Amino acid sequence: MLRYLIYVAVIFLLVDHLYTHWGPEIINRAASTFMGRPVTVVEESPYRESIIDKAIKKVKEVLGR
């Protein structure tokens, strides 16, 4: 049972990371293909960080002291 919870957590982190970095681009590209013209459905914010990015940043801060 614990193994499945770990699998779900890892999959959640990977999906969050992929969506944060490439999600809006993929959604906009699919919508543009469907509409036949360039459209923006999801605005991309310039400062996006996934949970993995935040954890790595925090570890670097702790180890950097």
Protein backbone atom coordinates (compact mmCIF):
# COMPACT_ATOMS: atom_id res chain seq x y z
CA MET A 1 0.00 0.00 0.00
CA LEU A 2 2.83 2.39 0.86
CA ARG A 3 4.43 1.60 -2.47
CA TYR A 4 1.31 2.80 -4.33
CA LEU A 5 1.20 6.01 -2.32
CA ILE A 6 4.81 6.67 -3.26
CA TYR A 7 3.98 5.99 -6.93
CA VAL A 8 1.07 8.44 -6.79
CA ALA A 9 3.27 11.10 -5.16
CA VAL A 10 6.01 10.68 -7.76
CA ILE A 11 3.51 10.83 -10.63
CA PHE A 12 1.91 13.94 -9.11
CA LEU A 13 5.31 15.66 -8.88
CA LEU A 14 6.20 14.76 -12.47
CA VAL A 15 2.85 15.94 -13.83
CA ASP A 16 3.16 19.19 -11.87
CA HIS A 17 6.68 19.76 -13.21
CA LEU A 18 5.74 19.00 -16.81
CA TYR A 19 2.58 21.12 -16.72
CA THR A 20 4.39 24.04 -15.10
CA HIS A 21 7.09 24.17 -17.75
CA TRP A 22 5.34 22.98 -20.92
CA GLY A 23 1.60 22.92 -20.20
CA PRO A 24 0.58 26.37 -21.48
CA GLU A 25 2.66 25.94 -24.63
CA ILE A 26 1.05 22.57 -25.41
CA ILE A 27 -2.47 23.86 -24.69
CA ASN A 28 -2.00 26.95 -26.85
CA ARG A 29 -0.49 24.93 -29.69
CA ALA A 30 -3.39 22.44 -29.63
CA ALA A 31 -5.96 25.26 -29.56
CA SER A 32 -4.21 27.06 -32.42
CA THR A 33 -4.21 23.87 -34.48
CA PHE A 34 -7.90 23.32 -33.76
CA MET A 35 -8.89 26.91 -34.57
CA GLY A 36 -6.62 27.18 -37.61
CA ARG A 37 -5.10 30.46 -36.41
CA PRO A 38 -2.81 31.51 -33.54
CA VAL A 39 -4.78 31.79 -30.29
CA THR A 40 -3.74 32.16 -26.67
CA VAL A 41 -5.87 30.17 -24.27
CA VAL A 42 -3.49 30.06 -21.32
CA GLU A 43 -1.20 32.96 -20.46
CA GLU A 44 2.32 31.96 -19.51
CA SER A 45 3.55 33.67 -16.37
CA PRO A 46 7.25 34.58 -16.49
CA TYR A 47 8.07 33.21 -13.03
CA ARG A 48 6.73 29.68 -12.81
CA GLU A 49 8.17 27.11 -10.43
CA SER A 50 7.00 23.58 -9.89
CA ILE A 51 7.16 21.82 -6.55
CA ILE A 52 10.39 20.12 -7.65
CA ASP A 53 11.95 23.49 -8.57
CA LYS A 54 10.97 24.95 -5.19
CA ALA A 55 12.41 21.93 -3.34
CA ILE A 56 15.71 22.13 -5.22
CA LYS A 57 15.92 25.86 -4.53
CA LYS A 58 15.26 25.28 -0.81
CA VAL A 59 17.89 22.52 -0.60
CA LYS A 60 20.46 24.79 -2.28
CA GLU A 61 19.67 27.56 0.22
CA VAL A 62 20.05 25.20 3.19
CA LEU A 63 23.28 23.65 1.91
CA GLY A 64 24.67 27.03 0.88
CA ARG A 65 24.72 28.37 4.45
